[in-house]
Amino acid sequence: MKVLLLFIDMLFCNILIAQTYAIVADRLIDGQHDHSFNNPTVIVHQNKIVDINYRNVVPDSAIVINLKGYTLLPGLMDVHTHSRLSITYTGARLSA
């Protein structure tokens, strides 16, 4: 029984990963241009961006994620970083 459940679980996960998604939004900022792009459709297959078009072309088998009213920033993983922050520990203690 455990083997059957494991097989079903693996099959279900593979189906989800192999699915194609079409993300439809109002704007897209790619970080390479000094302007945004209107009405993007981002096609994601197997967790990778495979196409970006601006003609609302969606594959027949894709699950559409409607993000109208939002701006996409593909590839932006973490906007809260301190890459230039340098902290030196002096051994001083803070008191309340």
Protein backbone atom coordinates (compact mmCIF):
# COMPACT_ATOMS: atom_id res chain seq x y z
CA MET A 1 0.00 0.00 0.00
CA LYS A 2 2.86 2.41 0.83
CA VAL A 3 4.49 1.70 -2.52
CA LEU A 4 1.23 2.48 -4.33
CA LEU A 5 0.83 5.76 -2.45
CA LEU A 6 4.43 6.70 -3.19
CA PHE A 7 3.89 5.96 -6.89
CA ILE A 8 0.72 8.07 -7.00
CA ASP A 9 2.48 10.90 -5.17
CA MET A 10 5.43 10.85 -7.60
CA LEU A 11 3.08 10.76 -10.59
CA PHE A 12 1.05 13.70 -9.25
CA CYS A 13 4.21 15.77 -8.61
CA ASN A 14 5.51 15.07 -12.14
CA ILE A 15 2.19 16.17 -13.62
CA LEU A 16 2.35 19.45 -11.69
CA ILE A 17 5.96 20.11 -12.66
CA ALA A 18 5.36 19.29 -16.33
CA GLN A 19 2.34 21.62 -16.53
CA THR A 20 2.51 24.78 -18.64
CA TYR A 21 1.39 28.07 -17.12
CA ALA A 22 0.57 31.38 -18.83
CA ILE A 23 0.91 34.39 -16.54
CA VAL A 24 -1.02 37.37 -17.90
CA ALA A 25 -0.35 40.80 -16.34
CA ASP A 26 -0.56 44.53 -17.05
CA ARG A 27 3.15 45.35 -17.13
CA LEU A 28 6.55 43.68 -17.14
CA ILE A 29 9.86 45.17 -16.02
CA ASP A 30 12.82 43.16 -17.27
CA GLY A 31 15.64 45.12 -15.63
CA GLN A 32 17.46 45.56 -18.95
CA HIS A 33 15.43 48.39 -20.46
CA ASP A 34 14.55 51.84 -19.13
CA HIS A 35 10.82 51.29 -19.64
CA SER A 36 8.17 48.71 -18.83
CA PHE A 37 6.33 46.52 -21.35
CA ASN A 38 2.53 46.47 -21.49
CA ASN A 39 0.27 43.40 -21.55
CA PRO A 40 2.88 40.65 -21.14
CA THR A 41 2.09 36.95 -21.25
CA VAL A 42 4.83 34.90 -19.61
CA ILE A 43 4.87 31.20 -20.52
CA VAL A 44 6.34 28.91 -17.85
CA HIS A 45 7.01 25.22 -18.56
CA GLN A 46 8.71 22.85 -16.12
CA ASN A 47 9.41 25.76 -13.73
CA LYS A 48 11.29 27.76 -16.39
CA ILE A 49 10.28 30.83 -18.36
CA VAL A 50 10.23 29.64 -21.96
CA ASP A 51 8.55 32.60 -23.69
CA ILE A 52 7.36 36.15 -23.14
CA ASN A 53 4.98 37.65 -25.66
CA TYR A 54 2.91 40.82 -25.84
CA ARG A 55 0.11 39.54 -28.08
CA ASN A 56 -1.75 37.51 -25.42
CA VAL A 57 -0.75 34.23 -27.10
CA VAL A 58 -1.50 31.36 -24.70
CA PRO A 59 -0.83 27.66 -25.43
CA ASP A 60 -4.00 25.55 -25.51
CA SER A 61 -2.85 23.30 -22.67
CA ALA A 62 -1.67 26.14 -20.38
CA ILE A 63 -3.21 27.03 -17.05
CA VAL A 64 -3.81 30.80 -17.15
CA ILE A 65 -2.84 32.82 -14.08
CA ASN A 66 -4.59 36.19 -14.38
CA LEU A 67 -2.54 38.95 -12.76
CA LYS A 68 -4.25 41.90 -14.45
CA GLY A 69 -3.58 45.00 -12.39
CA TYR A 70 -0.09 43.78 -11.41
CA THR A 71 3.47 44.28 -12.67
CA LEU A 72 5.77 41.30 -13.23
CA LEU A 73 9.50 41.27 -12.46
CA PRO A 74 10.67 37.88 -13.81
CA GLY A 75 13.79 36.55 -12.17
CA LEU A 76 13.61 38.90 -9.18
CA MET A 77 14.01 36.57 -6.24
CA ASP A 78 14.61 38.76 -3.19
CA VAL A 79 14.13 42.51 -3.09
CA HIS A 80 15.26 42.77 0.52
CA THR A 81 19.00 42.24 0.52
CA HIS A 82 21.95 43.95 2.14
CA SER A 83 24.69 43.04 -0.30
CA ARG A 84 26.70 46.22 0.41
CA LEU A 85 26.16 46.17 4.16
CA SER A 86 29.31 45.60 6.16
CA ILE A 87 28.97 44.83 9.86
CA THR A 88 31.94 44.76 12.18
CA TYR A 89 31.47 43.20 15.59
CA THR A 90 33.31 45.16 18.25
CA GLY A 91 32.27 43.12 21.25
CA ALA A 92 30.23 46.01 22.69
CA ARG A 93 27.02 45.13 24.45
CA LEU A 94 23.74 46.96 24.16
CA SER A 95 21.82 47.67 27.32
CA ALA A 96 18.10 48.31 27.55
